[in-house]
Amino acid sequence: QRIIYDEEKKLTEHQAQTKFQMAKYEDELARKRMQAENEYHRVRNQQLVKLQEESSIRLEQARRAAEEKIQVQRRQTEKEKADIERETIRITEMAGAEVRVLEAKLSEEVNRRLLLERGDTEREKCISIINTTSEHIRGAFF
């Protein structure tokens, strides 16, 4: 019985030792699994952060490109506006010059007519004076 008891005790101790080693092994596996999961999540989070940073950079680049395009369009619009204003001023000045030339021609024409009318009036006066003087001289001789 003592031998059976010692054998059972050894068997129980061996079973306890095996259970302990099994539990220790399972615990170690669980820890390794948790470490692997933690490492996976850490790597995954790093990748997500990296993707978010890249996305943020792309968005910023797109925003800058759009802003630059708007600035280029704004400068182009302002240049076109300035060109139109210059052309408008040039046309206005040309029209003003043409009006002044036309006014000068019309004034010249009016002045010429006035001079001709004065000349005609003066000529008629002179003819009238000559005729009157001729009639007085004729009257004095006849």
N, C-alpha and C. Protein backbone atom coordinates (compact mmCIF):
# COMPACT_ATOMS: atom_id res chain seq x y z
N GLN A 1 0.83 -1.19 0.00
CA GLN A 1 0.00 0.00 0.00
C GLN A 1 0.87 1.24 0.00
N ARG A 2 1.95 1.14 0.72
CA ARG A 2 2.85 2.28 0.75
C ARG A 2 3.37 2.55 -0.64
N ILE A 3 3.69 1.53 -1.35
CA ILE A 3 4.22 1.70 -2.69
C ILE A 3 3.11 2.29 -3.57
N ILE A 4 1.91 1.80 -3.44
CA ILE A 4 0.80 2.31 -4.23
C ILE A 4 0.58 3.78 -3.87
N TYR A 5 0.65 4.02 -2.57
CA TYR A 5 0.45 5.39 -2.12
C TYR A 5 1.56 6.27 -2.68
N ASP A 6 2.80 5.83 -2.65
CA ASP A 6 3.92 6.61 -3.19
C ASP A 6 3.76 6.78 -4.70
N GLU A 7 3.30 5.72 -5.35
CA GLU A 7 3.11 5.81 -6.81
C GLU A 7 1.98 6.79 -7.13
N GLU A 8 0.90 6.71 -6.39
CA GLU A 8 -0.22 7.64 -6.61
C GLU A 8 0.22 9.06 -6.31
N LYS A 9 1.04 9.20 -5.24
CA LYS A 9 1.52 10.53 -4.88
C LYS A 9 2.41 11.07 -6.00
N LYS A 10 3.29 10.20 -6.51
CA LYS A 10 4.16 10.61 -7.61
C LYS A 10 3.31 10.97 -8.83
N LEU A 11 2.30 10.10 -9.08
CA LEU A 11 1.43 10.35 -10.22
C LEU A 11 0.70 11.67 -10.04
N THR A 12 0.19 11.94 -8.86
CA THR A 12 -0.52 13.19 -8.58
C THR A 12 0.44 14.37 -8.72
N GLU A 13 1.67 14.18 -8.17
CA GLU A 13 2.65 15.26 -8.30
C GLU A 13 3.01 15.48 -9.76
N HIS A 14 3.16 14.37 -10.45
CA HIS A 14 3.49 14.48 -11.88
C HIS A 14 2.34 15.15 -12.64
N GLN A 15 1.10 14.77 -12.33
CA GLN A 15 -0.06 15.40 -12.97
C GLN A 15 -0.13 16.89 -12.63
N ALA A 16 0.15 17.19 -11.34
CA ALA A 16 0.14 18.59 -10.92
C ALA A 16 1.24 19.34 -11.65
N GLN A 17 2.43 18.71 -11.74
CA GLN A 17 3.55 19.33 -12.44
C GLN A 17 3.19 19.53 -13.92
N THR A 18 2.57 18.54 -14.53
CA THR A 18 2.17 18.63 -15.93
C THR A 18 1.12 19.72 -16.11
N LYS A 19 0.14 19.74 -15.17
CA LYS A 19 -0.89 20.79 -15.23
C LYS A 19 -0.25 22.16 -15.10
N PHE A 20 0.71 22.28 -14.18
CA PHE A 20 1.38 23.54 -13.96
C PHE A 20 2.14 23.96 -15.23
N GLN A 21 2.87 23.00 -15.81
CA GLN A 21 3.62 23.31 -17.03
C GLN A 21 2.67 23.66 -18.18
N MET A 22 1.53 22.93 -18.24
CA MET A 22 0.53 23.22 -19.27
C MET A 22 -0.02 24.62 -19.08
N ALA A 23 -0.35 24.94 -17.84
CA ALA A 23 -0.89 26.27 -17.54
C ALA A 23 0.15 27.33 -17.86
N LYS A 24 1.40 27.03 -17.47
CA LYS A 24 2.48 27.97 -17.75
C LYS A 24 2.65 28.15 -19.27
N TYR A 25 2.61 27.03 -20.00
CA TYR A 25 2.75 27.08 -21.46
C TYR A 25 1.59 27.84 -22.09
N GLU A 26 0.36 27.56 -21.65
CA GLU A 26 -0.82 28.26 -22.16
C GLU A 26 -0.74 29.76 -21.83
N ASP A 27 -0.28 30.07 -20.62
CA ASP A 27 -0.10 31.47 -20.23
C ASP A 27 0.93 32.14 -21.13
N GLU A 28 2.04 31.42 -21.39
CA GLU A 28 3.08 31.96 -22.26
C GLU A 28 2.54 32.17 -23.67
N LEU A 29 1.75 31.19 -24.16
CA LEU A 29 1.13 31.34 -25.48
C LEU A 29 0.18 32.52 -25.51
N ALA A 30 -0.61 32.66 -24.45
CA ALA A 30 -1.55 33.79 -24.38
C ALA A 30 -0.80 35.11 -24.39
N ARG A 31 0.31 35.16 -23.63
CA ARG A 31 1.11 36.39 -23.60
C ARG A 31 1.70 36.69 -24.98
N LYS A 32 2.24 35.64 -25.62
CA LYS A 32 2.82 35.82 -26.95
C LYS A 32 1.74 36.28 -27.94
N ARG A 33 0.53 35.67 -27.82
CA ARG A 33 -0.59 36.05 -28.69
C ARG A 33 -0.95 37.51 -28.45
N MET A 34 -1.00 37.90 -27.16
CA MET A 34 -1.33 39.29 -26.83
C MET A 34 -0.24 40.23 -27.34
N GLN A 35 1.03 39.81 -27.19
CA GLN A 35 2.13 40.63 -27.69
C GLN A 35 2.04 40.77 -29.22
N ALA A 36 1.73 39.64 -29.88
CA ALA A 36 1.60 39.67 -31.33
C ALA A 36 0.43 40.57 -31.74
N GLU A 37 -0.68 40.46 -31.02
CA GLU A 37 -1.83 41.32 -31.32
C GLU A 37 -1.48 42.78 -31.06
N ASN A 38 -0.81 43.04 -29.93
CA ASN A 38 -0.40 44.41 -29.63
C ASN A 38 0.54 44.95 -30.70
N GLU A 39 1.49 44.11 -31.14
CA GLU A 39 2.42 44.51 -32.19
C GLU A 39 1.67 44.77 -33.50
N TYR A 40 0.71 43.88 -33.80
CA TYR A 40 -0.11 44.06 -35.00
C TYR A 40 -0.87 45.39 -34.93
N HIS A 41 -1.50 45.66 -33.78
CA HIS A 41 -2.25 46.90 -33.62
C HIS A 41 -1.33 48.12 -33.67
N ARG A 42 -0.13 47.98 -33.07
CA ARG A 42 0.83 49.09 -33.10
C ARG A 42 1.24 49.38 -34.55
N VAL A 43 1.58 48.33 -35.30
CA VAL A 43 1.97 48.49 -36.70
C VAL A 43 0.80 49.04 -37.51
N ARG A 44 -0.37 48.50 -37.25
CA ARG A 44 -1.58 48.95 -37.96
C ARG A 44 -1.84 50.43 -37.68
N ASN A 45 -1.72 50.82 -36.41
CA ASN A 45 -1.92 52.23 -36.05
C ASN A 45 -0.87 53.12 -36.71
N GLN A 46 0.38 52.63 -36.75
CA GLN A 46 1.43 53.39 -37.42
C GLN A 46 1.10 53.57 -38.90
N GLN A 47 0.62 52.49 -39.51
CA GLN A 47 0.26 52.56 -40.92
C GLN A 47 -0.90 53.55 -41.12
N LEU A 48 -1.89 53.47 -40.22
CA LEU A 48 -3.02 54.40 -40.33
C LEU A 48 -2.57 55.84 -40.18
N VAL A 49 -1.69 56.09 -39.20
CA VAL A 49 -1.17 57.44 -39.00
C VAL A 49 -0.41 57.89 -40.25
N LYS A 50 0.40 56.99 -40.79
CA LYS A 50 1.16 57.32 -41.99
C LYS A 50 0.21 57.63 -43.16
N LEU A 51 -0.82 56.80 -43.33
CA LEU A 51 -1.80 57.04 -44.39
C LEU A 51 -2.52 58.36 -44.19
N GLN A 52 -2.87 58.66 -42.93
CA GLN A 52 -3.54 59.92 -42.64
C GLN A 52 -2.63 61.10 -42.94
N GLU A 53 -1.35 60.97 -42.58
CA GLU A 53 -0.38 62.03 -42.87
C GLU A 53 -0.24 62.22 -44.37
N GLU A 54 -0.13 61.10 -45.10
CA GLU A 54 -0.01 61.19 -46.56
C GLU A 54 -1.26 61.81 -47.16
N SER A 55 -2.40 61.40 -46.65
CA SER A 55 -3.66 61.97 -47.13
C SER A 55 -3.71 63.46 -46.84
N SER A 56 -3.29 63.83 -45.65
CA SER A 56 -3.27 65.24 -45.27
C SER A 56 -2.33 66.02 -46.18
N ILE A 57 -1.17 65.44 -46.47
CA ILE A 57 -0.21 66.09 -47.36
C ILE A 57 -0.80 66.24 -48.75
N ARG A 58 -1.44 65.19 -49.26
CA ARG A 58 -2.07 65.26 -50.59
C ARG A 58 -3.16 66.32 -50.62
N LEU A 59 -3.97 66.35 -49.55
CA LEU A 59 -5.03 67.36 -49.49
C LEU A 59 -4.44 68.77 -49.46
N GLU A 60 -3.38 68.96 -48.71
CA GLU A 60 -2.72 70.26 -48.63
C GLU A 60 -2.14 70.64 -49.99
N GLN A 61 -1.52 69.66 -50.65
CA GLN A 61 -0.97 69.92 -51.99
C GLN A 61 -2.09 70.27 -52.97
N ALA A 62 -3.20 69.56 -52.89
CA ALA A 62 -4.34 69.85 -53.77
C ALA A 62 -4.89 71.24 -53.47
N ARG A 63 -4.97 71.58 -52.19
CA ARG A 63 -5.47 72.91 -51.81
C ARG A 63 -4.54 73.98 -52.33
N ARG A 64 -3.23 73.76 -52.16
CA ARG A 64 -2.26 74.74 -52.66
C ARG A 64 -2.34 74.87 -54.18
N ALA A 65 -2.46 73.73 -54.86
CA ALA A 65 -2.56 73.75 -56.33
C ALA A 65 -3.80 74.51 -56.76
N ALA A 66 -4.91 74.26 -56.07
CA ALA A 66 -6.15 74.97 -56.40
C ALA A 66 -6.01 76.46 -56.13
N GLU A 67 -5.37 76.78 -55.01
CA GLU A 67 -5.16 78.19 -54.66
C GLU A 67 -4.27 78.86 -55.69
N GLU A 68 -3.22 78.16 -56.11
CA GLU A 68 -2.31 78.72 -57.10
C GLU A 68 -3.04 78.91 -58.44
N LYS A 69 -3.87 77.93 -58.78
CA LYS A 69 -4.63 78.04 -60.03
C LYS A 69 -5.56 79.24 -59.97
N ILE A 70 -6.20 79.44 -58.81
CA ILE A 70 -7.08 80.59 -58.63
C ILE A 70 -6.29 81.88 -58.76
N GLN A 71 -5.08 81.92 -58.16
CA GLN A 71 -4.24 83.11 -58.24
C GLN A 71 -3.84 83.38 -59.69
N VAL A 72 -3.48 82.32 -60.41
CA VAL A 72 -3.10 82.48 -61.83
C VAL A 72 -4.29 83.02 -62.61
N GLN A 73 -5.48 82.46 -62.37
CA GLN A 73 -6.67 82.93 -63.07
C GLN A 73 -6.98 84.37 -62.70
N ARG A 74 -6.80 84.70 -61.41
CA ARG A 74 -7.06 86.07 -60.95
C ARG A 74 -6.09 87.04 -61.64
N ARG A 75 -4.79 86.65 -61.69
CA ARG A 75 -3.81 87.52 -62.37
C ARG A 75 -4.14 87.65 -63.85
N GLN A 76 -4.55 86.55 -64.48
CA GLN A 76 -4.92 86.59 -65.89
C GLN A 76 -6.12 87.52 -66.10
N THR A 77 -7.11 87.39 -65.22
CA THR A 77 -8.29 88.24 -65.31
C THR A 77 -7.92 89.71 -65.14
N GLU A 78 -7.05 89.98 -64.16
CA GLU A 78 -6.62 91.37 -63.93
C GLU A 78 -5.84 91.89 -65.12
N LYS A 79 -5.00 91.04 -65.73
CA LYS A 79 -4.24 91.45 -66.91
C LYS A 79 -5.20 91.76 -68.06
N GLU A 80 -6.17 90.87 -68.26
CA GLU A 80 -7.14 91.10 -69.33
C GLU A 80 -7.94 92.37 -69.07
N LYS A 81 -8.30 92.58 -67.81
CA LYS A 81 -9.04 93.79 -67.45
C LYS A 81 -8.20 95.03 -67.73
N ALA A 82 -6.91 94.99 -67.37
CA ALA A 82 -6.01 96.11 -67.62
C ALA A 82 -5.87 96.34 -69.13
N ASP A 83 -5.75 95.24 -69.89
CA ASP A 83 -5.66 95.37 -71.35
C ASP A 83 -6.92 96.02 -71.91
N ILE A 84 -8.08 95.58 -71.41
CA ILE A 84 -9.34 96.15 -71.88
C ILE A 84 -9.42 97.64 -71.52
N GLU A 85 -8.99 97.96 -70.30
CA GLU A 85 -9.01 99.37 -69.89
C GLU A 85 -8.08 100.20 -70.76
N ARG A 86 -6.87 99.67 -71.03
CA ARG A 86 -5.93 100.40 -71.91
C ARG A 86 -6.53 100.59 -73.30
N GLU A 87 -7.14 99.52 -73.82
CA GLU A 87 -7.75 99.61 -75.15
C GLU A 87 -8.91 100.62 -75.14
N THR A 88 -9.70 100.60 -74.05
CA THR A 88 -10.81 101.54 -73.94
C THR A 88 -10.28 102.97 -73.90
N ILE A 89 -9.22 103.20 -73.12
CA ILE A 89 -8.62 104.54 -73.05
C ILE A 89 -8.09 104.95 -74.41
N ARG A 90 -7.42 104.03 -75.09
CA ARG A 90 -6.86 104.33 -76.41
C ARG A 90 -7.99 104.70 -77.39
N ILE A 91 -9.05 103.90 -77.37
CA ILE A 91 -10.17 104.17 -78.27
C ILE A 91 -10.83 105.49 -77.92
N THR A 92 -10.99 105.75 -76.61
CA THR A 92 -11.60 107.01 -76.18
C THR A 92 -10.74 108.19 -76.61
N GLU A 93 -9.43 108.06 -76.45
CA GLU A 93 -8.54 109.15 -76.86
C GLU A 93 -8.57 109.35 -78.37
N MET A 94 -8.60 108.23 -79.10
CA MET A 94 -8.68 108.35 -80.57
C MET A 94 -10.00 109.01 -80.97
N ALA A 95 -11.09 108.61 -80.32
CA ALA A 95 -12.38 109.21 -80.63
C ALA A 95 -12.36 110.70 -80.29
N GLY A 96 -11.75 111.05 -79.13
CA GLY A 96 -11.63 112.46 -78.75
C GLY A 96 -10.82 113.24 -79.76
N ALA A 97 -9.71 112.63 -80.22
CA ALA A 97 -8.87 113.29 -81.22
C ALA A 97 -9.65 113.48 -82.51
N GLU A 98 -10.40 112.46 -82.92
CA GLU A 98 -11.20 112.57 -84.13
C GLU A 98 -12.25 113.67 -83.98
N VAL A 99 -12.87 113.74 -82.80
CA VAL A 99 -13.87 114.78 -82.55
C VAL A 99 -13.22 116.15 -82.63
N ARG A 100 -12.02 116.28 -81.99
CA ARG A 100 -11.33 117.58 -82.04
C ARG A 100 -10.96 117.95 -83.46
N VAL A 101 -10.49 116.96 -84.26
CA VAL A 101 -10.15 117.23 -85.66
C VAL A 101 -11.40 117.65 -86.41
N LEU A 102 -12.51 116.93 -86.18
CA LEU A 102 -13.76 117.28 -86.85
C LEU A 102 -14.24 118.66 -86.42
N GLU A 103 -14.13 118.96 -85.13
CA GLU A 103 -14.52 120.29 -84.64
C GLU A 103 -13.64 121.36 -85.28
N ALA A 104 -12.34 121.06 -85.37
CA ALA A 104 -11.43 122.02 -85.99
C ALA A 104 -11.80 122.25 -87.45
N LYS A 105 -12.12 121.15 -88.16
CA LYS A 105 -12.53 121.29 -89.57
C LYS A 105 -13.81 122.09 -89.68
N LEU A 106 -14.77 121.76 -88.79
CA LEU A 106 -16.03 122.50 -88.82
C LEU A 106 -15.81 123.97 -88.47
N SER A 107 -14.98 124.23 -87.47
CA SER A 107 -14.68 125.62 -87.10
C SER A 107 -13.99 126.32 -88.26
N GLU A 108 -13.07 125.61 -88.88
CA GLU A 108 -12.36 126.18 -90.03
C GLU A 108 -13.35 126.51 -91.14
N GLU A 109 -14.28 125.60 -91.36
CA GLU A 109 -15.30 125.81 -92.41
C GLU A 109 -16.18 127.01 -92.05
N VAL A 110 -16.59 127.07 -90.77
CA VAL A 110 -17.42 128.20 -90.33
C VAL A 110 -16.64 129.50 -90.46
N ASN A 111 -15.38 129.48 -90.01
CA ASN A 111 -14.54 130.69 -90.13
C ASN A 111 -14.35 131.09 -91.58
N ARG A 112 -14.16 130.11 -92.45
CA ARG A 112 -14.00 130.41 -93.88
C ARG A 112 -15.26 131.04 -94.44
N ARG A 113 -16.42 130.48 -94.06
CA ARG A 113 -17.69 131.06 -94.54
C ARG A 113 -17.86 132.48 -94.02
N LEU A 114 -17.54 132.65 -92.71
CA LEU A 114 -17.66 134.00 -92.14
C LEU A 114 -16.74 134.98 -92.87
N LEU A 115 -15.50 134.53 -93.13
CA LEU A 115 -14.57 135.40 -93.87
C LEU A 115 -15.09 135.71 -95.26
N LEU A 116 -15.64 134.66 -95.91
CA LEU A 116 -16.19 134.88 -97.26
C LEU A 116 -17.36 135.85 -97.20
N GLU A 117 -18.22 135.66 -96.19
CA GLU A 117 -19.36 136.57 -96.05
C GLU A 117 -18.88 137.99 -95.78
N ARG A 118 -17.88 138.14 -94.89
CA ARG A 118 -17.34 139.48 -94.62
C ARG A 118 -16.72 140.07 -95.88
N GLY A 119 -15.98 139.17 -96.59
CA GLY A 119 -15.35 139.63 -97.84
C GLY A 119 -16.40 140.09 -98.83
N ASP A 120 -17.49 139.28 -98.94
CA ASP A 120 -18.58 139.65 -99.86
C ASP A 120 -19.20 140.97 -99.42
N THR A 121 -19.41 141.09 -98.09
CA THR A 121 -20.00 142.33 -97.58
C THR A 121 -19.08 143.52 -97.85
N GLU A 122 -17.79 143.31 -97.58
CA GLU A 122 -16.82 144.40 -97.83
C GLU A 122 -16.76 144.73 -99.31
N ARG A 123 -16.79 143.72 -100.16
CA ARG A 123 -16.75 143.95 -101.61
C ARG A 123 -17.97 144.74 -102.06
N GLU A 124 -19.15 144.30 -101.52
CA GLU A 124 -20.38 145.01 -101.89
C GLU A 124 -20.31 146.47 -101.43
N LYS A 125 -19.76 146.69 -100.22
CA LYS A 125 -19.60 148.07 -99.73
C LYS A 125 -18.70 148.86 -100.65
N CYS A 126 -17.57 148.22 -101.01
CA CYS A 126 -16.62 148.92 -101.89
C CYS A 126 -17.27 149.23 -103.24
N ILE A 127 -18.00 148.24 -103.78
CA ILE A 127 -18.67 148.47 -105.08
C ILE A 127 -19.71 149.57 -104.92
N SER A 128 -20.42 149.52 -103.81
CA SER A 128 -21.43 150.55 -103.58
C SER A 128 -20.76 151.92 -103.45
N ILE A 129 -19.64 152.00 -102.75
CA ILE A 129 -18.92 153.28 -102.60
C ILE A 129 -18.41 153.75 -103.95
N ILE A 130 -17.86 152.78 -104.70
CA ILE A 130 -17.35 153.15 -106.03
C ILE A 130 -18.49 153.64 -106.92
N ASN A 131 -19.62 152.92 -106.88
CA ASN A 131 -20.77 153.33 -107.71
C ASN A 131 -21.29 154.70 -107.28
N THR A 132 -21.35 154.91 -105.98
CA THR A 132 -21.83 156.19 -105.48
C THR A 132 -20.86 157.31 -105.90
N THR A 133 -19.58 157.04 -105.74
CA THR A 133 -18.57 158.04 -106.11
C THR A 133 -18.64 158.27 -107.61
N SER A 134 -18.81 157.23 -108.39
CA SER A 134 -18.90 157.37 -109.85
C SER A 134 -20.12 158.20 -110.21
N GLU A 135 -21.22 157.96 -109.53
CA GLU A 135 -22.44 158.71 -109.84
C GLU A 135 -22.24 160.19 -109.46
N HIS A 136 -21.57 160.44 -108.37
CA HIS A 136 -21.32 161.87 -108.00
C HIS A 136 -20.39 162.52 -109.02
N ILE A 137 -19.39 161.78 -109.42
CA ILE A 137 -18.47 162.36 -110.40
C ILE A 137 -19.22 162.57 -111.72
N ARG A 138 -20.01 161.66 -112.17
CA ARG A 138 -20.79 161.79 -113.39
C ARG A 138 -21.78 162.94 -113.26
N GLY A 139 -22.38 163.02 -112.11
CA GLY A 139 -23.35 164.10 -111.88
C GLY A 139 -22.67 165.45 -111.91
N ALA A 140 -21.42 165.48 -111.48
CA ALA A 140 -20.70 166.74 -111.47
C ALA A 140 -20.31 167.11 -112.88
N PHE A 141 -20.03 166.21 -113.75
CA PHE A 141 -19.67 166.51 -115.12
C PHE A 141 -20.88 166.72 -116.00
N PHE A 142 -21.96 166.24 -115.71
CA PHE A 142 -23.14 166.35 -116.59
C PHE A 142 -24.10 167.25 -116.00
